[in-house]
PDB file of N, CA and C in Angstrom:
ATOM      1  N   MET A   1     -21.466 183.492  41.735  1.00  0.00           N
ATOM      2  CA  MET A   1     -22.000 184.263  42.843  1.00  0.00           C
ATOM      3  C   MET A   1     -20.851 184.771  43.694  1.00  0.00           C
ATOM      4  N   ASN A   2     -20.917 186.002  44.078  1.00  0.00           N
ATOM      5  CA  ASN A   2     -19.950 186.630  44.962  1.00  0.00           C
ATOM      6  C   ASN A   2     -19.984 185.932  46.314  1.00  0.00           C
ATOM      7  N   GLU A   3     -18.819 185.693  46.922  1.00  0.00           N
ATOM      8  CA  GLU A   3     -18.810 184.975  48.195  1.00  0.00           C
ATOM      9  C   GLU A   3     -19.455 185.782  49.310  1.00  0.00           C
ATOM     10  N   LYS A   4     -19.536 187.106  49.170  1.00  0.00           N
ATOM     11  CA  LYS A   4     -20.203 187.939  50.165  1.00  0.00           C
ATOM     12  C   LYS A   4     -21.721 187.924  49.987  1.00  0.00           C
ATOM     13  N   GLU A   5     -22.156 187.485  48.829  1.00  0.00           N
ATOM     14  CA  GLU A   5     -23.577 187.520  48.510  1.00  0.00           C
ATOM     15  C   GLU A   5     -24.340 186.493  49.344  1.00  0.00           C
ATOM     16  N   GLN A   6     -25.287 186.962  50.118  1.00  0.00           N
ATOM     17  CA  GLN A   6     -26.146 186.079  50.896  1.00  0.00           C
ATOM     18  C   GLN A   6     -27.506 186.063  50.223  1.00  0.00           C
ATOM     19  N   ILE A   7     -28.064 184.864  50.098  1.00  0.00           N
ATOM     20  CA  ILE A   7     -29.352 184.729  49.422  1.00  0.00           C
ATOM     21  C   ILE A   7     -30.418 184.293  50.417  1.00  0.00           C
ATOM     22  N   ILE A   8     -31.513 185.035  50.427  1.00  0.00           N
ATOM     23  CA  ILE A   8     -32.690 184.668  51.199  1.00  0.00           C
ATOM     24  C   ILE A   8     -33.731 184.237  50.178  1.00  0.00           C
ATOM     25  N   GLU A   9     -34.211 183.011  50.304  1.00  0.00           N
ATOM     26  CA  GLU A   9     -35.161 182.472  49.331  1.00  0.00           C
ATOM     27  C   GLU A   9     -36.579 182.560  49.867  1.00  0.00           C
ATOM     28  N   LEU A  10     -37.489 183.015  49.028  1.00  0.00           N
ATOM     29  CA  LEU A  10     -38.895 183.146  49.392  1.00  0.00           C
ATOM     30  C   LEU A  10     -39.740 182.503  48.302  1.00  0.00           C
ATOM     31  N   ASP A  11     -40.427 181.430  48.653  1.00  0.00           N
ATOM     32  CA  ASP A  11     -41.333 180.751  47.715  1.00  0.00           C
ATOM     33  C   ASP A  11     -42.719 181.364  47.885  1.00  0.00           C
ATOM     34  N   LEU A  12     -43.141 182.099  46.874  1.00  0.00           N
ATOM     35  CA  LEU A  12     -44.422 182.801  46.932  1.00  0.00           C
ATOM     36  C   LEU A  12     -45.604 181.929  46.525  1.00  0.00           C
ATOM     37  N   ARG A  13     -45.344 180.818  45.905  1.00  0.00           N
ATOM     38  CA  ARG A  13     -46.423 180.010  45.320  1.00  0.00           C
ATOM     39  C   ARG A  13     -47.510 179.604  46.311  1.00  0.00           C
ATOM     40  N   PRO A  14     -47.162 179.200  47.544  1.00  0.00           N
ATOM     41  CA  PRO A  14     -48.241 178.809  48.461  1.00  0.00           C
ATOM     42  C   PRO A  14     -48.960 179.995  49.128  1.00  0.00           C
ATOM     43  N   MET A  15     -48.453 181.203  48.937  1.00  0.00           N
ATOM     44  CA  MET A  15     -49.039 182.377  49.594  1.00  0.00           C
ATOM     45  C   MET A  15     -50.193 182.954  48.790  1.00  0.00           C
ATOM     46  N   PRO A  16     -51.213 183.479  49.470  1.00  0.00           N
ATOM     47  CA  PRO A  16     -52.279 184.185  48.739  1.00  0.00           C
ATOM     48  C   PRO A  16     -51.687 185.405  48.041  1.00  0.00           C
ATOM     49  N   PRO A  17     -52.105 185.676  46.803  1.00  0.00           N
ATOM     50  CA  PRO A  17     -51.526 186.785  46.039  1.00  0.00           C
ATOM     51  C   PRO A  17     -51.531 188.127  46.780  1.00  0.00           C
ATOM     52  N   PHE A  18     -52.566 188.408  47.544  1.00  0.00           N
ATOM     53  CA  PHE A  18     -52.648 189.713  48.199  1.00  0.00           C
ATOM     54  C   PHE A  18     -51.611 189.897  49.309  1.00  0.00           C
ATOM     55  N   GLU A  19     -50.966 188.819  49.734  1.00  0.00           N
ATOM     56  CA  GLU A  19     -49.946 188.904  50.783  1.00  0.00           C
ATOM     57  C   GLU A  19     -48.527 188.987  50.226  1.00  0.00           C
ATOM     58  N   ARG A  20     -48.352 188.694  48.961  1.00  0.00           N
ATOM     59  CA  ARG A  20     -47.009 188.502  48.409  1.00  0.00           C
ATOM     60  C   ARG A  20     -46.147 189.759  48.432  1.00  0.00           C
ATOM     61  N   HIS A  21     -46.632 190.870  47.886  1.00  0.00           N
ATOM     62  CA  HIS A  21     -45.800 192.085  47.815  1.00  0.00           C
ATOM     63  C   HIS A  21     -45.444 192.575  49.213  1.00  0.00           C
ATOM     64  N   GLU A  22     -46.408 192.516  50.119  1.00  0.00           N
ATOM     65  CA  GLU A  22     -46.145 192.955  51.494  1.00  0.00           C
ATOM     66  C   GLU A  22     -45.009 192.140  52.116  1.00  0.00           C
ATOM     67  N   LYS A  23     -45.041 190.830  51.931  1.00  0.00           N
ATOM     68  CA  LYS A  23     -44.002 189.952  52.480  1.00  0.00           C
ATOM     69  C   LYS A  23     -42.648 190.240  51.821  1.00  0.00           C
ATOM     70  N   ILE A  24     -42.640 190.420  50.517  1.00  0.00           N
ATOM     71  CA  ILE A  24     -41.401 190.710  49.789  1.00  0.00           C
ATOM     72  C   ILE A  24     -40.757 191.979  50.333  1.00  0.00           C
ATOM     73  N   PHE A  25     -41.537 193.037  50.487  1.00  0.00           N
ATOM     74  CA  PHE A  25     -40.965 194.303  50.943  1.00  0.00           C
ATOM     75  C   PHE A  25     -40.606 194.273  52.424  1.00  0.00           C
ATOM     76  N   GLU A  26     -41.290 193.441  53.184  1.00  0.00           N
ATOM     77  CA  GLU A  26     -40.921 193.251  54.590  1.00  0.00           C
ATOM     78  C   GLU A  26     -39.504 192.668  54.682  1.00  0.00           C
ATOM     79  N   ILE A  27     -39.223 191.661  53.871  1.00  0.00           N
ATOM     80  CA  ILE A  27     -37.888 191.054  53.838  1.00  0.00           C
ATOM     81  C   ILE A  27     -36.888 192.033  53.230  1.00  0.00           C
ATOM     82  N   TRP A  28     -37.284 192.685  52.135  1.00  0.00           N
ATOM     83  CA  TRP A  28     -36.403 193.614  51.433  1.00  0.00           C
ATOM     84  C   TRP A  28     -35.867 194.690  52.372  1.00  0.00           C
ATOM     85  N   GLU A  29     -36.725 195.229  53.210  1.00  0.00           N
ATOM     86  CA  GLU A  29     -36.307 196.307  54.112  1.00  0.00           C
ATOM     87  C   GLU A  29     -35.227 195.851  55.086  1.00  0.00           C
ATOM     88  N   GLY A  30     -35.155 194.555  55.373  1.00  0.00           N
ATOM     89  CA  GLY A  30     -34.152 194.033  56.291  1.00  0.00           C
ATOM     90  C   GLY A  30     -32.837 193.643  55.635  1.00  0.00           C
ATOM     91  N   LEU A  31     -32.777 193.708  54.305  1.00  0.00           N
ATOM     92  CA  LEU A  31     -31.552 193.308  53.610  1.00  0.00           C
ATOM     93  C   LEU A  31     -30.485 194.395  53.678  1.00  0.00           C
ATOM     94  N   LYS A  32     -29.250 193.948  53.740  1.00  0.00           N
ATOM     95  CA  LYS A  32     -28.100 194.853  53.686  1.00  0.00           C
ATOM     96  C   LYS A  32     -27.567 194.841  52.248  1.00  0.00           C
ATOM     97  N   PRO A  33     -26.833 195.888  51.855  1.00  0.00           N
ATOM     98  CA  PRO A  33     -26.245 195.887  50.514  1.00  0.00           C
ATOM     99  C   PRO A  33     -25.430 194.614  50.265  1.00  0.00           C
ATOM    100  N   GLY A  34     -25.639 194.026  49.098  1.00  0.00           N
ATOM    101  CA  GLY A  34     -24.967 192.784  48.733  1.00  0.00           C
ATOM    102  C   GLY A  34     -25.823 191.557  48.963  1.00  0.00           C
ATOM    103  N   GLN A  35     -26.845 191.671  49.809  1.00  0.00           N
ATOM    104  CA  GLN A  35     -27.724 190.528  50.049  1.00  0.00           C
ATOM    105  C   GLN A  35     -28.751 190.428  48.926  1.00  0.00           C
ATOM    106  N   VAL A  36     -29.245 189.204  48.717  1.00  0.00           N
ATOM    107  CA  VAL A  36     -30.149 188.908  47.606  1.00  0.00           C
ATOM    108  C   VAL A  36     -31.424 188.260  48.128  1.00  0.00           C
ATOM    109  N   LEU A  37     -32.550 188.726  47.605  1.00  0.00           N
ATOM    110  CA  LEU A  37     -33.831 188.075  47.840  1.00  0.00           C
ATOM    111  C   LEU A  37     -34.165 187.309  46.568  1.00  0.00           C
ATOM    112  N   LYS A  38     -34.251 186.000  46.693  1.00  0.00           N
ATOM    113  CA  LYS A  38     -34.580 185.136  45.554  1.00  0.00           C
ATOM    114  C   LYS A  38     -36.032 184.708  45.715  1.00  0.00           C
ATOM    115  N   ILE A  39     -36.870 185.105  44.763  1.00  0.00           N
ATOM    116  CA  ILE A  39     -38.281 184.747  44.854  1.00  0.00           C
ATOM    117  C   ILE A  39     -38.626 183.693  43.812  1.00  0.00           C
ATOM    118  N   ILE A  40     -39.538 182.815  44.200  1.00  0.00           N
ATOM    119  CA  ILE A  40     -40.069 181.781  43.306  1.00  0.00           C
ATOM    120  C   ILE A  40     -41.555 182.056  43.196  1.00  0.00           C
ATOM    121  N   ASN A  41     -42.024 182.238  41.977  1.00  0.00           N
ATOM    122  CA  ASN A  41     -43.399 182.652  41.760  1.00  0.00           C
ATOM    123  C   ASN A  41     -44.046 181.771  40.694  1.00  0.00           C
ATOM    124  N   ASP A  42     -45.382 181.814  40.639  1.00  0.00           N
ATOM    125  CA  ASP A  42     -46.110 181.014  39.659  1.00  0.00           C
ATOM    126  C   ASP A  42     -46.497 181.817  38.415  1.00  0.00           C
ATOM    127  N   HIS A  43     -46.014 183.046  38.322  1.00  0.00           N
ATOM    128  CA  HIS A  43     -46.229 183.888  37.132  1.00  0.00           C
ATOM    129  C   HIS A  43     -45.096 184.907  37.050  1.00  0.00           C
ATOM    130  N   ASP A  44     -44.985 185.558  35.913  1.00  0.00           N
ATOM    131  CA  ASP A  44     -43.958 186.582  35.726  1.00  0.00           C
ATOM    132  C   ASP A  44     -44.243 187.736  36.693  1.00  0.00           C
ATOM    133  N   PRO A  45     -43.300 188.064  37.569  1.00  0.00           N
ATOM    134  CA  PRO A  45     -43.549 189.123  38.553  1.00  0.00           C
ATOM    135  C   PRO A  45     -43.318 190.538  38.001  1.00  0.00           C
ATOM    136  N   LYS A  46     -43.821 190.798  36.792  1.00  0.00           N
ATOM    137  CA  LYS A  46     -43.659 192.120  36.180  1.00  0.00           C
ATOM    138  C   LYS A  46     -44.213 193.241  37.059  1.00  0.00           C
ATOM    139  N   PRO A  47     -45.415 193.086  37.645  1.00  0.00           N
ATOM    140  CA  PRO A  47     -45.919 194.171  38.502  1.00  0.00           C
ATOM    141  C   PRO A  47     -44.984 194.477  39.673  1.00  0.00           C
ATOM    142  N   LEU A  48     -44.347 193.449  40.209  1.00  0.00           N
ATOM    143  CA  LEU A  48     -43.379 193.646  41.288  1.00  0.00           C
ATOM    144  C   LEU A  48     -42.169 194.423  40.770  1.00  0.00           C
ATOM    145  N   HIS A  49     -41.726 194.078  39.566  1.00  0.00           N
ATOM    146  CA  HIS A  49     -40.588 194.788  38.974  1.00  0.00           C
ATOM    147  C   HIS A  49     -40.932 196.263  38.789  1.00  0.00           C
ATOM    148  N   TYR A  50     -42.138 196.551  38.317  1.00  0.00           N
ATOM    149  CA  TYR A  50     -42.573 197.941  38.156  1.00  0.00           C
ATOM    150  C   TYR A  50     -42.587 198.659  39.500  1.00  0.00           C
ATOM    151  N   GLN A  51     -43.018 197.961  40.554  1.00  0.00           N
ATOM    152  CA  GLN A  51     -43.047 198.563  41.883  1.00  0.00           C
ATOM    153  C   GLN A  51     -41.627 198.860  42.372  1.00  0.00           C
ATOM    154  N   PHE A  52     -40.692 197.951  42.124  1.00  0.00           N
ATOM    155  CA  PHE A  52     -39.294 198.198  42.488  1.00  0.00           C
ATOM    156  C   PHE A  52     -38.751 199.406  41.711  1.00  0.00           C
ATOM    157  N   GLU A  53     -39.075 199.483  40.415  1.00  0.00           N
ATOM    158  CA  GLU A  53     -38.619 200.618  39.607  1.00  0.00           C
ATOM    159  C   GLU A  53     -39.131 201.933  40.178  1.00  0.00           C
ATOM    160  N   ALA A  54     -40.379 201.939  40.608  1.00  0.00           N
ATOM    161  CA  ALA A  54     -40.995 203.171  41.111  1.00  0.00           C
ATOM    162  C   ALA A  54     -40.484 203.548  42.502  1.00  0.00           C
ATOM    163  N   GLU A  55     -40.286 202.552  43.362  1.00  0.00           N
ATOM    164  CA  GLU A  55     -40.009 202.832  44.775  1.00  0.00           C
ATOM    165  C   GLU A  55     -38.560 202.600  45.198  1.00  0.00           C
ATOM    166  N   GLN A  56     -37.798 201.830  44.431  1.00  0.00           N
ATOM    167  CA  GLN A  56     -36.447 201.438  44.861  1.00  0.00           C
ATOM    168  C   GLN A  56     -35.398 201.737  43.788  1.00  0.00           C
ATOM    169  N   THR A  57     -35.637 202.719  42.944  1.00  0.00           N
ATOM    170  CA  THR A  57     -34.723 203.050  41.848  1.00  0.00           C
ATOM    171  C   THR A  57     -33.289 203.211  42.353  1.00  0.00           C
ATOM    172  N   GLY A  58     -32.370 202.495  41.703  1.00  0.00           N
ATOM    173  CA  GLY A  58     -30.959 202.592  42.035  1.00  0.00           C
ATOM    174  C   GLY A  58     -30.534 201.792  43.253  1.00  0.00           C
ATOM    175  N   LYS A  59     -31.480 201.110  43.895  1.00  0.00           N
ATOM    176  CA  LYS A  59     -31.174 200.371  45.116  1.00  0.00           C
ATOM    177  C   LYS A  59     -31.142 198.858  44.906  1.00  0.00           C
ATOM    178  N   TYR A  60     -31.404 198.406  43.690  1.00  0.00           N
ATOM    179  CA  TYR A  60     -31.511 196.967  43.447  1.00  0.00           C
ATOM    180  C   TYR A  60     -31.005 196.584  42.068  1.00  0.00           C
ATOM    181  N   GLU A  61     -30.717 195.286  41.920  1.00  0.00           N
ATOM    182  CA  GLU A  61     -30.460 194.674  40.607  1.00  0.00           C
ATOM    183  C   GLU A  61     -31.449 193.530  40.470  1.00  0.00           C
ATOM    184  N   TRP A  62     -32.065 193.422  39.317  1.00  0.00           N
ATOM    185  CA  TRP A  62     -33.109 192.427  39.044  1.00  0.00           C
ATOM    186  C   TRP A  62     -32.565 191.428  38.030  1.00  0.00           C
ATOM    187  N   GLU A  63     -32.594 190.148  38.367  1.00  0.00           N
ATOM    188  CA  GLU A  63     -32.091 189.120  37.453  1.00  0.00           C
ATOM    189  C   GLU A  63     -33.066 187.944  37.391  1.00  0.00           C
ATOM    190  N   TYR A  64     -33.560 187.662  36.187  1.00  0.00           N
ATOM    191  CA  TYR A  64     -34.377 186.465  35.998  1.00  0.00           C
ATOM    192  C   TYR A  64     -33.450 185.254  35.982  1.00  0.00           C
ATOM    193  N   VAL A  65     -33.732 184.277  36.827  1.00  0.00           N
ATOM    194  CA  VAL A  65     -32.986 183.027  36.845  1.00  0.00           C
ATOM    195  C   VAL A  65     -33.734 182.000  36.002  1.00  0.00           C
ATOM    196  N   GLN A  66     -35.066 182.049  36.070  1.00  0.00           N
ATOM    197  CA  GLN A  66     -35.916 181.149  35.279  1.00  0.00           C
ATOM    198  C   GLN A  66     -37.163 181.917  34.872  1.00  0.00           C
ATOM    199  N   LYS A  67     -37.512 181.823  33.583  1.00  0.00           N
ATOM    200  CA  LYS A  67     -38.687 182.520  33.056  1.00  0.00           C
ATOM    201  C   LYS A  67     -39.727 181.515  32.600  1.00  0.00           C
ATOM    202  N   GLY A  68     -40.429 180.919  33.580  1.00  0.00           N
ATOM    203  CA  GLY A  68     -41.512 179.999  33.266  1.00  0.00           C
ATOM    204  C   GLY A  68     -41.026 178.717  32.625  1.00  0.00           C
ATOM    205  N   PRO A  69     -41.907 177.935  32.049  1.00  0.00           N
ATOM    206  CA  PRO A  69     -43.326 178.231  31.869  1.00  0.00           C
ATOM    207  C   PRO A  69     -44.147 178.041  33.154  1.00  0.00           C
ATOM    208  N   LYS A  70     -43.693 177.171  34.056  1.00  0.00           N
ATOM    209  CA  LYS A  70     -44.470 176.909  35.273  1.00  0.00           C
ATOM    210  C   LYS A  70     -44.049 177.835  36.397  1.00  0.00           C
ATOM    211  N   ASP A  71     -42.759 177.926  36.646  1.00  0.00           N
ATOM    212  CA  ASP A  71     -42.242 178.735  37.740  1.00  0.00           C
ATOM    213  C   ASP A  71     -41.336 179.846  37.217  1.00  0.00           C
ATOM    214  N   TRP A  72     -41.376 180.951  37.904  1.00  0.00           N
ATOM    215  CA  TRP A  72     -40.535 182.111  37.600  1.00  0.00           C
ATOM    216  C   TRP A  72     -39.652 182.349  38.812  1.00  0.00           C
ATOM    217  N   ILE A  73     -38.348 182.459  38.582  1.00  0.00           N
ATOM    218  CA  ILE A  73     -37.403 182.681  39.676  1.00  0.00           C
ATOM    219  C   ILE A  73     -36.630 183.958  39.376  1.00  0.00           C
ATOM    220  N   VAL A  74     -36.603 184.849  40.361  1.00  0.00           N
ATOM    221  CA  VAL A  74     -35.941 186.137  40.204  1.00  0.00           C
ATOM    222  C   VAL A  74     -35.046 186.390  41.405  1.00  0.00           C
ATOM    223  N   LYS A  75     -33.838 186.882  41.125  1.00  0.00           N
ATOM    224  CA  LYS A  75     -32.937 187.320  42.189  1.00  0.00           C
ATOM    225  C   LYS A  75     -32.955 188.842  42.206  1.00  0.00           C
ATOM    226  N   ILE A  76     -33.257 189.405  43.380  1.00  0.00           N
ATOM    227  CA  ILE A  76     -33.309 190.852  43.553  1.00  0.00           C
ATOM    228  C   ILE A  76     -32.215 191.207  44.560  1.00  0.00           C
ATOM    229  N   LYS A  77     -31.173 191.834  44.071  1.00  0.00           N
ATOM    230  CA  LYS A  77     -30.014 192.137  44.912  1.00  0.00           C
ATOM    231  C   LYS A  77     -30.075 193.584  45.394  1.00  0.00           C
ATOM    232  N   ARG A  78     -29.900 193.772  46.689  1.00  0.00           N
ATOM    233  CA  ARG A  78     -29.840 195.127  47.244  1.00  0.00           C
ATOM    234  C   ARG A  78     -28.442 195.677  46.993  1.00  0.00           C
ATOM    235  N   VAL A  79     -28.373 196.821  46.317  1.00  0.00           N
ATOM    236  CA  VAL A  79     -27.077 197.432  46.043  1.00  0.00           C
ATOM    237  C   VAL A  79     -26.844 198.679  46.890  1.00  0.00           C
ATOM    238  N   LYS A  80     -27.889 199.240  47.471  1.00  0.00           N
ATOM    239  CA  LYS A  80     -27.763 200.407  48.371  1.00  0.00           C
ATOM    240  C   LYS A  80     -28.624 200.185  49.579  1.00  0.00           C
TER     241      LYS A  80
END
């Protein structure tokens, strides 16, 4: 990990599904380039990845840290 990289961790598992994307993008909007939002989820966040592709193209890097079977962990780094 880059020493400038700051990680904000968000555990989505206890949140109702309908609140998750809103909370993620609320935090995302406050990130500066180089900062990372690390999410912990109870399923593969593919729909979220599609939303980032559609709305944040070129502004992020997506990295799976853990791919199930119980928990999914993804680091989403703001690059712009």
